[in-house]
Structures are given as C-alpha cells and as structure tokens.
Amino acid sequence: MVFEEIKKKIYEDILEKLPSHLTYHNLAHTAYVLDRAVFLAEQSKVSSDELELLRLAALFHDTGFIESPKDHEERGCKIARSYLAESYSEEQLSLICGMIMATKIPQNPQTELEKILADADLEYLGTDLFEEIGESLYKELKHSIPDFSQQAWDELQLAFMEKHHFHTDYCRQNREPKKQENLLIVKKRLGFV
C-alpha cells in the first residue's frame, strides 16, 4: 500500500473514531505531528526511504489511544504492525516502532529518525501555538481528572518544560528560544517571576 492509502485507512479506522474528549490526542494532533516530522526531516536531509518510515511512525504514534491512554505507544506499535506487516519488513517495522516509542515520556530517542519524531510530537512547546495546544491538552486531562485546576496544570507544565529538551539541531536552534519565552509565561502565571 502507498502512504496515502494507509493514511486514509488509519484516519477512517482509528483516528476519526477516537473519543471526542481527546481534545489533544486526536486526528488534528496526528496531522500536526506528521507535518512537523516531514518538515524536520527536510532540515535533517533524511533519505526518501527513511522519510517513508518516519511518516508511518507519525501516523501511528497515538493510535493506541483507541484502546487506552496507558501504554498507548506500545499499543500503537502493535496496531502499526497489524496494518503494515504485509508490506514492510521486520527491520522496517522495528524502525517504525522505535520511532513511536521515542515519543513516550520521558523521551529518550536514540536515532536521528527517533529524534525527529520526538521533536515533532512536542515541537509546539517552542511555538506561538503553545497556549492554544496546551489548552486542548488541559481540557483532555480535565476530562479524566475533573478537579484538575488551572494552577495544577501550570505546575505540571512548568515541571515538564523544565525537564524537556529538544533533540534535533533545528529545534534546539529554532524552537528552544520560544520555548523559554513560553516557560516564562507559565512562571508568571504561577507568580514565580
């Protein structure tokens, strides 16, 4: 199958069927990560074969949410294998799963492709979309934890962002400065600045 056919099938079979309370881990997020992964791959000059595997990993990286948020990366790997086993070698499937697993928090990507997908998944931290995308994640968490306050969310973001670091040269150079500005916004809301 060609990528566009696989993408259409995954959108229809899984991503469009994700529960509506997933305001962050949804079809729009997958499309965003796919777009950013392709962009970052272009900055890193990956081969066309590597790009194909990267695009597949981006497509499947959050499909595990159809079953459960817990260990969704492992579930996403199983789903990817079930859809791709006839068309891709075991070596290719292992590379795809390695990239999916690289998005697991805390991120620990090893290869260049894993670093690209890990950064694509959290690239918004260093963009002007930080507040908007962050709000969608807050709403999703609030669905599971109804008494989750804005202050608790900001405290969680602060701790997360202080530990997070980008892995690709592009994001370190072009997203880290804006991430620091966004971190300052959170610190101000918490009264730390």
C-alpha atoms as a PDB file:
ATOM      1  CA  MET A   1       0.000   0.000   0.000  1.00  0.00           C
ATOM      2  CA  VAL A   2       1.148   3.533  -0.655  1.00  0.00           C
ATOM      3  CA  PHE A   3       1.290   6.029   2.185  1.00  0.00           C
ATOM      4  CA  GLU A   4      -1.838   7.976   1.201  1.00  0.00           C
ATOM      5  CA  GLU A   5      -3.892   4.753   1.157  1.00  0.00           C
ATOM      6  CA  ILE A   6      -2.575   3.748   4.587  1.00  0.00           C
ATOM      7  CA  LYS A   7      -3.218   7.259   5.920  1.00  0.00           C
ATOM      8  CA  LYS A   8      -6.814   7.233   4.657  1.00  0.00           C
ATOM      9  CA  LYS A   9      -7.402   3.824   6.220  1.00  0.00           C
ATOM     10  CA  ILE A  10      -5.913   4.813   9.602  1.00  0.00           C
ATOM     11  CA  TYR A  11      -7.886   8.065   9.628  1.00  0.00           C
ATOM     12  CA  GLU A  12     -11.111   6.166   8.929  1.00  0.00           C
ATOM     13  CA  ASP A  13     -10.449   3.073  11.075  1.00  0.00           C
ATOM     14  CA  ILE A  14      -8.916   4.726  14.124  1.00  0.00           C
ATOM     15  CA  LEU A  15      -8.217   8.437  14.271  1.00  0.00           C
ATOM     16  CA  GLU A  16     -11.694   9.632  13.283  1.00  0.00           C
ATOM     17  CA  LYS A  17     -13.155   7.205  15.864  1.00  0.00           C
ATOM     18  CA  LEU A  18     -11.149   8.467  18.836  1.00  0.00           C
ATOM     19  CA  PRO A  19     -13.417   9.686  21.657  1.00  0.00           C
ATOM     20  CA  SER A  20     -14.381  13.370  21.482  1.00  0.00           C
ATOM     21  CA  HIS A  21     -12.918  14.033  24.949  1.00  0.00           C
ATOM     22  CA  LEU A  22      -9.468  13.521  23.399  1.00  0.00           C
ATOM     23  CA  THR A  23      -9.081  17.190  22.580  1.00  0.00           C
ATOM     24  CA  TYR A  24      -5.297  16.871  22.212  1.00  0.00           C
ATOM     25  CA  HIS A  25      -4.503  13.266  21.232  1.00  0.00           C
ATOM     26  CA  ASN A  26      -6.686  13.293  18.145  1.00  0.00           C
ATOM     27  CA  LEU A  27      -6.681  13.471  14.361  1.00  0.00           C
ATOM     28  CA  ALA A  28      -5.594  17.137  14.344  1.00  0.00           C
ATOM     29  CA  HIS A  29      -2.589  16.335  16.568  1.00  0.00           C
ATOM     30  CA  THR A  30      -1.575  13.447  14.332  1.00  0.00           C
ATOM     31  CA  ALA A  31      -1.815  15.683  11.248  1.00  0.00           C
ATOM     32  CA  TYR A  32       0.289  18.337  13.030  1.00  0.00           C
ATOM     33  CA  VAL A  33       2.965  15.824  14.088  1.00  0.00           C
ATOM     34  CA  LEU A  34       3.049  14.333  10.599  1.00  0.00           C
ATOM     35  CA  ASP A  35       3.537  17.783   9.085  1.00  0.00           C
ATOM     36  CA  ARG A  36       6.248  18.750  11.575  1.00  0.00           C
ATOM     37  CA  ALA A  37       8.042  15.395  11.167  1.00  0.00           C
ATOM     38  CA  VAL A  38       8.234  15.897   7.399  1.00  0.00           C
ATOM     39  CA  PHE A  39       9.473  19.463   7.924  1.00  0.00           C
ATOM     40  CA  LEU A  40      12.145  18.383  10.425  1.00  0.00           C
ATOM     41  CA  ALA A  41      13.177  15.518   8.148  1.00  0.00           C
ATOM     42  CA  GLU A  42      13.767  18.048   5.373  1.00  0.00           C
ATOM     43  CA  GLN A  43      16.027  20.017   7.719  1.00  0.00           C
ATOM     44  CA  SER A  44      17.964  16.837   8.532  1.00  0.00           C
ATOM     45  CA  LYS A  45      18.260  15.630   4.942  1.00  0.00           C
ATOM     46  CA  VAL A  46      16.940  12.104   5.570  1.00  0.00           C
ATOM     47  CA  SER A  47      16.601   9.703   2.647  1.00  0.00           C
ATOM     48  CA  SER A  48      13.282   9.092   0.897  1.00  0.00           C
ATOM     49  CA  ASP A  49      13.121   5.565   2.373  1.00  0.00           C
ATOM     50  CA  GLU A  50      13.687   6.946   5.876  1.00  0.00           C
ATOM     51  CA  LEU A  51      11.074   9.638   5.271  1.00  0.00           C
ATOM     52  CA  GLU A  52       8.501   6.992   4.367  1.00  0.00           C
ATOM     53  CA  LEU A  53       9.104   5.142   7.644  1.00  0.00           C
ATOM     54  CA  LEU A  54       9.052   8.404   9.594  1.00  0.00           C
ATOM     55  CA  ARG A  55       5.705   9.383   8.059  1.00  0.00           C
ATOM     56  CA  LEU A  56       4.268   5.990   9.001  1.00  0.00           C
ATOM     57  CA  ALA A  57       5.545   6.284  12.575  1.00  0.00           C
ATOM     58  CA  ALA A  58       3.996   9.766  12.862  1.00  0.00           C
ATOM     59  CA  LEU A  59       0.713   8.431  11.520  1.00  0.00           C
ATOM     60  CA  PHE A  60       0.565   5.571  14.044  1.00  0.00           C
ATOM     61  CA  HIS A  61       2.229   7.235  17.050  1.00  0.00           C
ATOM     62  CA  ASP A  62      -1.003   7.903  19.001  1.00  0.00           C
ATOM     63  CA  THR A  63      -3.301   5.253  17.507  1.00  0.00           C
ATOM     64  CA  GLY A  64      -3.004   3.289  20.764  1.00  0.00           C
ATOM     65  CA  PHE A  65      -5.385   5.832  22.320  1.00  0.00           C
ATOM     66  CA  ILE A  66      -8.208   3.941  20.585  1.00  0.00           C
ATOM     67  CA  GLU A  67      -7.696   1.296  23.302  1.00  0.00           C
ATOM     68  CA  SER A  68      -6.294   3.260  26.250  1.00  0.00           C
ATOM     69  CA  PRO A  69      -4.024   6.220  27.045  1.00  0.00           C
ATOM     70  CA  LYS A  70      -1.925   3.942  29.265  1.00  0.00           C
ATOM     71  CA  ASP A  71       0.986   2.491  27.303  1.00  0.00           C
ATOM     72  CA  HIS A  72      -0.538   3.858  24.108  1.00  0.00           C
ATOM     73  CA  GLU A  73       2.860   3.854  22.419  1.00  0.00           C
ATOM     74  CA  GLU A  74       3.204   0.072  22.824  1.00  0.00           C
ATOM     75  CA  ARG A  75      -0.385  -0.337  21.610  1.00  0.00           C
ATOM     76  CA  GLY A  76       0.371   1.934  18.652  1.00  0.00           C
ATOM     77  CA  CYS A  77       3.303  -0.309  17.718  1.00  0.00           C
ATOM     78  CA  LYS A  78       1.039  -3.368  17.717  1.00  0.00           C
ATOM     79  CA  ILE A  79      -1.525  -1.533  15.609  1.00  0.00           C
ATOM     80  CA  ALA A  80       1.181  -0.394  13.166  1.00  0.00           C
ATOM     81  CA  ARG A  81       2.484  -3.944  12.855  1.00  0.00           C
ATOM     82  CA  SER A  82      -1.021  -5.281  12.196  1.00  0.00           C
ATOM     83  CA  TYR A  83      -1.580  -2.796   9.373  1.00  0.00           C
ATOM     84  CA  LEU A  84       1.913  -2.868   7.877  1.00  0.00           C
ATOM     85  CA  ALA A  85       3.166  -6.456   8.304  1.00  0.00           C
ATOM     86  CA  GLU A  86       2.329  -7.500   4.751  1.00  0.00           C
ATOM     87  CA  SER A  87       4.030  -4.516   3.126  1.00  0.00           C
ATOM     88  CA  TYR A  88       7.090  -3.870   5.314  1.00  0.00           C
ATOM     89  CA  SER A  89       9.986  -5.992   6.554  1.00  0.00           C
ATOM     90  CA  GLU A  90      10.578  -6.804  10.213  1.00  0.00           C
ATOM     91  CA  GLU A  91      13.559  -4.432  10.139  1.00  0.00           C
ATOM     92  CA  GLN A  92      11.363  -1.595   8.834  1.00  0.00           C
ATOM     93  CA  LEU A  93       8.641  -2.370  11.389  1.00  0.00           C
ATOM     94  CA  SER A  94      11.254  -2.269  14.174  1.00  0.00           C
ATOM     95  CA  LEU A  95      12.412   1.153  12.997  1.00  0.00           C
ATOM     96  CA  ILE A  96       8.806   2.416  12.922  1.00  0.00           C
ATOM     97  CA  CYS A  97       8.162   1.073  16.419  1.00  0.00           C
ATOM     98  CA  GLY A  98      11.409   2.593  17.669  1.00  0.00           C
ATOM     99  CA  MET A  99      10.205   5.989  16.486  1.00  0.00           C
ATOM    100  CA  ILE A 100       6.773   5.527  18.069  1.00  0.00           C
ATOM    101  CA  MET A 101       8.377   4.508  21.371  1.00  0.00           C
ATOM    102  CA  ALA A 102      10.645   7.578  21.202  1.00  0.00           C
ATOM    103  CA  THR A 103       7.547   9.729  21.800  1.00  0.00           C
ATOM    104  CA  LYS A 104       6.964   8.084  25.203  1.00  0.00           C
ATOM    105  CA  ILE A 105       7.521  10.471  28.105  1.00  0.00           C
ATOM    106  CA  PRO A 106      10.234  10.885  29.260  1.00  0.00           C
ATOM    107  CA  GLN A 107      11.562  10.911  25.727  1.00  0.00           C
ATOM    108  CA  ASN A 108      14.800   9.068  25.069  1.00  0.00           C
ATOM    109  CA  PRO A 109      15.293   8.911  21.297  1.00  0.00           C
ATOM    110  CA  GLN A 110      18.441   7.187  20.062  1.00  0.00           C
ATOM    111  CA  THR A 111      18.478   7.507  16.279  1.00  0.00           C
ATOM    112  CA  GLU A 112      18.098  10.567  14.077  1.00  0.00           C
ATOM    113  CA  LEU A 113      14.625   9.439  12.976  1.00  0.00           C
ATOM    114  CA  GLU A 114      13.561   8.882  16.600  1.00  0.00           C
ATOM    115  CA  LYS A 115      14.838  12.351  17.486  1.00  0.00           C
ATOM    116  CA  ILE A 116      12.844  13.873  14.624  1.00  0.00           C
ATOM    117  CA  LEU A 117       9.577  12.227  15.673  1.00  0.00           C
ATOM    118  CA  ALA A 118      10.133  13.005  19.354  1.00  0.00           C
ATOM    119  CA  ASP A 119      10.653  16.680  18.498  1.00  0.00           C
ATOM    120  CA  ALA A 120       7.732  16.765  16.062  1.00  0.00           C
ATOM    121  CA  ASP A 121       5.465  15.452  18.834  1.00  0.00           C
ATOM    122  CA  LEU A 122       6.372  18.267  21.256  1.00  0.00           C
ATOM    123  CA  GLU A 123       7.513  20.971  18.848  1.00  0.00           C
ATOM    124  CA  TYR A 124       4.526  23.145  19.811  1.00  0.00           C
ATOM    125  CA  LEU A 125       6.248  23.890  23.144  1.00  0.00           C
ATOM    126  CA  GLY A 126       8.530  26.241  21.209  1.00  0.00           C
ATOM    127  CA  THR A 127       5.913  27.914  19.012  1.00  0.00           C
ATOM    128  CA  ASP A 128       3.195  30.561  19.109  1.00  0.00           C
ATOM    129  CA  LEU A 129       0.688  27.676  19.309  1.00  0.00           C
ATOM    130  CA  PHE A 130       1.861  26.814  22.832  1.00  0.00           C
ATOM    131  CA  GLU A 131      -1.134  28.308  24.659  1.00  0.00           C
ATOM    132  CA  GLU A 132      -3.748  27.050  22.194  1.00  0.00           C
ATOM    133  CA  ILE A 133      -2.410  23.489  22.008  1.00  0.00           C
ATOM    134  CA  GLY A 134      -1.694  23.447  25.724  1.00  0.00           C
ATOM    135  CA  GLU A 135      -5.313  24.380  26.403  1.00  0.00           C
ATOM    136  CA  SER A 136      -6.507  21.382  24.367  1.00  0.00           C
ATOM    137  CA  LEU A 137      -4.269  19.087  26.444  1.00  0.00           C
ATOM    138  CA  TYR A 138      -5.534  20.675  29.662  1.00  0.00           C
ATOM    139  CA  LYS A 139      -9.157  20.017  28.594  1.00  0.00           C
ATOM    140  CA  GLU A 140      -8.295  16.409  27.807  1.00  0.00           C
ATOM    141  CA  LEU A 141      -6.667  15.891  31.205  1.00  0.00           C
ATOM    142  CA  LYS A 142      -9.556  17.645  32.952  1.00  0.00           C
ATOM    143  CA  HIS A 143     -11.963  15.099  31.422  1.00  0.00           C
ATOM    144  CA  SER A 144     -10.125  12.324  33.313  1.00  0.00           C
ATOM    145  CA  ILE A 145      -9.443  14.433  36.421  1.00  0.00           C
ATOM    146  CA  PRO A 146     -12.473  16.759  36.831  1.00  0.00           C
ATOM    147  CA  ASP A 147     -10.976  18.746  39.735  1.00  0.00           C
ATOM    148  CA  PHE A 148      -7.706  19.408  37.861  1.00  0.00           C
ATOM    149  CA  SER A 149      -7.195  23.152  38.365  1.00  0.00           C
ATOM    150  CA  GLN A 150      -5.537  25.679  36.084  1.00  0.00           C
ATOM    151  CA  GLN A 151      -2.845  26.135  38.733  1.00  0.00           C
ATOM    152  CA  ALA A 152      -2.186  22.383  38.896  1.00  0.00           C
ATOM    153  CA  TRP A 153      -1.954  22.386  35.098  1.00  0.00           C
ATOM    154  CA  ASP A 154       0.543  25.256  35.111  1.00  0.00           C
ATOM    155  CA  GLU A 155       2.604  23.492  37.781  1.00  0.00           C
ATOM    156  CA  LEU A 156       2.610  20.335  35.651  1.00  0.00           C
ATOM    157  CA  GLN A 157       3.620  22.313  32.552  1.00  0.00           C
ATOM    158  CA  LEU A 158       6.397  24.066  34.455  1.00  0.00           C
ATOM    159  CA  ALA A 159       7.885  20.795  35.720  1.00  0.00           C
ATOM    160  CA  PHE A 160       7.538  19.175  32.298  1.00  0.00           C
ATOM    161  CA  MET A 161       9.059  22.060  30.349  1.00  0.00           C
ATOM    162  CA  GLU A 162      11.994  22.421  32.734  1.00  0.00           C
ATOM    163  CA  LYS A 163      12.899  18.750  32.160  1.00  0.00           C
ATOM    164  CA  HIS A 164      12.162  18.719  28.439  1.00  0.00           C
ATOM    165  CA  HIS A 165      14.830  19.319  25.826  1.00  0.00           C
ATOM    166  CA  PHE A 166      14.732  19.206  22.063  1.00  0.00           C
ATOM    167  CA  HIS A 167      16.782  16.570  20.249  1.00  0.00           C
ATOM    168  CA  THR A 168      17.259  17.875  16.700  1.00  0.00           C
ATOM    169  CA  ASP A 169      19.617  20.695  15.800  1.00  0.00           C
ATOM    170  CA  TYR A 170      16.765  22.552  14.127  1.00  0.00           C
ATOM    171  CA  CYS A 171      14.546  22.564  17.216  1.00  0.00           C
ATOM    172  CA  ARG A 172      17.420  23.371  19.556  1.00  0.00           C
ATOM    173  CA  GLN A 173      18.254  26.416  17.447  1.00  0.00           C
ATOM    174  CA  ASN A 174      14.778  27.498  16.325  1.00  0.00           C
ATOM    175  CA  ARG A 175      12.309  26.273  18.965  1.00  0.00           C
ATOM    176  CA  GLU A 176      14.215  26.399  22.242  1.00  0.00           C
ATOM    177  CA  PRO A 177      14.269  30.236  22.465  1.00  0.00           C
ATOM    178  CA  LYS A 178      10.468  30.423  22.048  1.00  0.00           C
ATOM    179  CA  LYS A 179      10.033  27.532  24.474  1.00  0.00           C
ATOM    180  CA  GLN A 180      11.918  29.592  27.060  1.00  0.00           C
ATOM    181  CA  GLU A 181       9.547  32.526  26.399  1.00  0.00           C
ATOM    182  CA  ASN A 182       6.574  30.198  26.837  1.00  0.00           C
ATOM    183  CA  LEU A 183       8.080  28.833  30.032  1.00  0.00           C
ATOM    184  CA  LEU A 184       8.321  32.390  31.320  1.00  0.00           C
ATOM    185  CA  ILE A 185       4.586  32.881  30.649  1.00  0.00           C
ATOM    186  CA  VAL A 186       3.814  29.835  32.795  1.00  0.00           C
ATOM    187  CA  LYS A 187       6.176  31.039  35.551  1.00  0.00           C
ATOM    188  CA  LYS A 188       4.480  34.454  35.533  1.00  0.00           C
ATOM    189  CA  ARG A 189       1.031  32.869  35.871  1.00  0.00           C
ATOM    190  CA  LEU A 190       2.329  30.915  38.860  1.00  0.00           C
ATOM    191  CA  GLY A 191       3.828  34.056  40.397  1.00  0.00           C
ATOM    192  CA  PHE A 192       7.446  32.875  40.130  1.00  0.00           C
ATOM    193  CA  VAL A 193       8.544  35.907  38.087  1.00  0.00           C
END
